[in-house]
Amino acid sequence: MNKESILLKSRDLTRHQVIERCLLSKLTNREASEALNLSVRQIQNLKKESSSLDF
């Protein structure tokens, strides 16, 4: 069986964790935007992209 690994930079891992918490309604878009220094609109776009990925 072939096992794949994904390596993330610290910044990417943090971004992923914040977006996941936002998708689970543990953070608001505003809180996520402040944590990542992004706009609320950018958070909304990241959430859309993240929810459309199939793993």
N, C-alpha and C. Protein backbone atom coordinates (compact mmCIF):
# COMPACT_ATOMS: atom_id res chain seq x y z
N MET A 1 0.84 -1.17 0.00
CA MET A 1 0.00 0.00 0.00
C MET A 1 0.89 1.24 0.00
N ASN A 2 0.59 2.18 -0.87
CA ASN A 2 1.36 3.41 -0.98
C ASN A 2 0.77 4.46 -0.03
N LYS A 3 1.61 5.00 0.82
CA LYS A 3 1.16 5.98 1.80
C LYS A 3 1.71 7.35 1.42
N GLU A 4 0.84 8.34 1.32
CA GLU A 4 1.26 9.69 0.97
C GLU A 4 1.40 10.54 2.21
N SER A 5 2.37 11.44 2.16
CA SER A 5 2.58 12.38 3.25
C SER A 5 2.41 13.79 2.73
N ILE A 6 1.88 14.64 3.56
CA ILE A 6 1.74 16.05 3.21
C ILE A 6 2.53 16.85 4.22
N LEU A 7 3.43 17.67 3.72
CA LEU A 7 4.23 18.54 4.58
C LEU A 7 3.69 19.95 4.49
N LEU A 8 3.44 20.54 5.63
CA LEU A 8 2.93 21.91 5.68
C LEU A 8 3.89 22.80 6.44
N LYS A 9 3.97 24.03 6.00
CA LYS A 9 4.71 25.02 6.77
C LYS A 9 3.86 25.37 7.99
N SER A 10 4.50 25.91 8.99
CA SER A 10 3.80 26.27 10.22
C SER A 10 2.63 27.20 9.94
N ARG A 11 2.84 28.17 9.06
CA ARG A 11 1.79 29.13 8.72
C ARG A 11 0.60 28.42 8.08
N ASP A 12 0.87 27.48 7.19
CA ASP A 12 -0.20 26.75 6.51
C ASP A 12 -0.98 25.87 7.48
N LEU A 13 -0.27 25.27 8.42
CA LEU A 13 -0.92 24.43 9.42
C LEU A 13 -1.84 25.27 10.30
N THR A 14 -1.36 26.43 10.72
CA THR A 14 -2.17 27.34 11.53
C THR A 14 -3.40 27.77 10.76
N ARG A 15 -3.23 28.12 9.49
CA ARG A 15 -4.36 28.54 8.65
C ARG A 15 -5.39 27.41 8.56
N HIS A 16 -4.92 26.21 8.33
CA HIS A 16 -5.81 25.06 8.23
C HIS A 16 -6.59 24.85 9.53
N GLN A 17 -5.90 24.93 10.65
CA GLN A 17 -6.55 24.72 11.95
C GLN A 17 -7.60 25.79 12.22
N VAL A 18 -7.30 27.03 11.90
CA VAL A 18 -8.26 28.12 12.14
C VAL A 18 -9.48 27.96 11.24
N ILE A 19 -9.26 27.62 9.97
CA ILE A 19 -10.39 27.45 9.05
C ILE A 19 -11.24 26.26 9.48
N GLU A 20 -10.62 25.18 9.91
CA GLU A 20 -11.38 24.02 10.40
C GLU A 20 -12.24 24.40 11.60
N ARG A 21 -11.68 25.15 12.53
CA ARG A 21 -12.45 25.59 13.71
C ARG A 21 -13.61 26.49 13.29
N CYS A 22 -13.37 27.30 12.28
CA CYS A 22 -14.42 28.18 11.77
C CYS A 22 -15.54 27.36 11.12
N LEU A 23 -15.17 26.33 10.36
CA LEU A 23 -16.16 25.47 9.72
C LEU A 23 -16.98 24.70 10.75
N LEU A 24 -16.38 24.40 11.89
CA LEU A 24 -17.08 23.68 12.96
C LEU A 24 -17.85 24.63 13.89
N SER A 25 -17.90 25.90 13.52
CA SER A 25 -18.59 26.95 14.29
C SER A 25 -18.00 27.17 15.67
N LYS A 26 -16.71 26.91 15.81
CA LYS A 26 -16.03 27.20 17.07
C LYS A 26 -15.38 28.58 17.04
N LEU A 27 -15.27 29.16 15.85
CA LEU A 27 -14.78 30.52 15.67
C LEU A 27 -15.69 31.24 14.69
N THR A 28 -15.84 32.53 14.86
CA THR A 28 -16.58 33.32 13.89
C THR A 28 -15.64 33.71 12.76
N ASN A 29 -16.21 34.16 11.65
CA ASN A 29 -15.38 34.64 10.55
C ASN A 29 -14.50 35.80 11.00
N ARG A 30 -15.05 36.66 11.82
CA ARG A 30 -14.28 37.81 12.31
C ARG A 30 -13.10 37.36 13.17
N GLU A 31 -13.34 36.42 14.08
CA GLU A 31 -12.26 35.91 14.93
C GLU A 31 -11.17 35.24 14.09
N ALA A 32 -11.60 34.49 13.09
CA ALA A 32 -10.63 33.83 12.20
C ALA A 32 -9.84 34.86 11.41
N SER A 33 -10.51 35.90 10.94
CA SER A 33 -9.81 36.93 10.16
C SER A 33 -8.78 37.66 11.02
N GLU A 34 -9.10 37.89 12.28
CA GLU A 34 -8.15 38.54 13.18
C GLU A 34 -6.98 37.62 13.50
N ALA A 35 -7.25 36.34 13.67
CA ALA A 35 -6.19 35.38 13.99
C ALA A 35 -5.20 35.22 12.83
N LEU A 36 -5.72 35.32 11.60
CA LEU A 36 -4.87 35.10 10.42
C LEU A 36 -4.46 36.39 9.72
N ASN A 37 -4.88 37.53 10.25
CA ASN A 37 -4.60 38.83 9.62
C ASN A 37 -5.10 38.88 8.19
N LEU A 38 -6.33 38.41 8.00
CA LEU A 38 -6.99 38.44 6.69
C LEU A 38 -8.32 39.15 6.85
N SER A 39 -8.94 39.48 5.72
CA SER A 39 -10.27 40.09 5.79
C SER A 39 -11.32 39.00 5.98
N VAL A 40 -12.49 39.41 6.43
CA VAL A 40 -13.59 38.48 6.63
C VAL A 40 -13.94 37.83 5.28
N ARG A 41 -13.90 38.59 4.22
CA ARG A 41 -14.22 38.07 2.88
C ARG A 41 -13.21 36.98 2.48
N GLN A 42 -11.95 37.18 2.79
CA GLN A 42 -10.94 36.17 2.48
C GLN A 42 -11.19 34.89 3.26
N ILE A 43 -11.64 35.02 4.50
CA ILE A 43 -11.98 33.85 5.32
C ILE A 43 -13.14 33.11 4.68
N GLN A 44 -14.15 33.83 4.23
CA GLN A 44 -15.30 33.20 3.59
C GLN A 44 -14.86 32.43 2.35
N ASN A 45 -13.96 33.00 1.58
CA ASN A 45 -13.46 32.31 0.38
C ASN A 45 -12.66 31.06 0.75
N LEU A 46 -11.83 31.15 1.79
CA LEU A 46 -11.06 29.99 2.23
C LEU A 46 -11.99 28.88 2.72
N LYS A 47 -13.07 29.25 3.40
CA LYS A 47 -14.03 28.26 3.87
C LYS A 47 -14.70 27.55 2.69
N LYS A 48 -15.06 28.30 1.66
CA LYS A 48 -15.66 27.71 0.48
C LYS A 48 -14.70 26.73 -0.19
N GLU A 49 -13.46 27.16 -0.35
CA GLU A 49 -12.44 26.31 -0.98
C GLU A 49 -12.21 25.05 -0.15
N SER A 50 -12.13 25.22 1.14
CA SER A 50 -11.84 24.10 2.03
C SER A 50 -12.99 23.09 2.05
N SER A 51 -14.21 23.57 2.05
CA SER A 51 -15.35 22.66 2.12
C SER A 51 -15.57 21.93 0.80
N SER A 52 -15.03 22.44 -0.31
CA SER A 52 -15.22 21.78 -1.60
C SER A 52 -14.14 20.73 -1.89
N LEU A 53 -13.10 20.66 -1.05
CA LEU A 53 -12.04 19.68 -1.25
C LEU A 53 -12.50 18.31 -0.78
N ASP A 54 -12.19 17.31 -1.55
CA ASP A 54 -12.51 15.93 -1.18
C ASP A 54 -11.24 15.18 -0.90
N PHE A 55 -11.10 14.67 0.32
CA PHE A 55 -9.92 13.88 0.68
C PHE A 55 -10.29 12.47 0.90
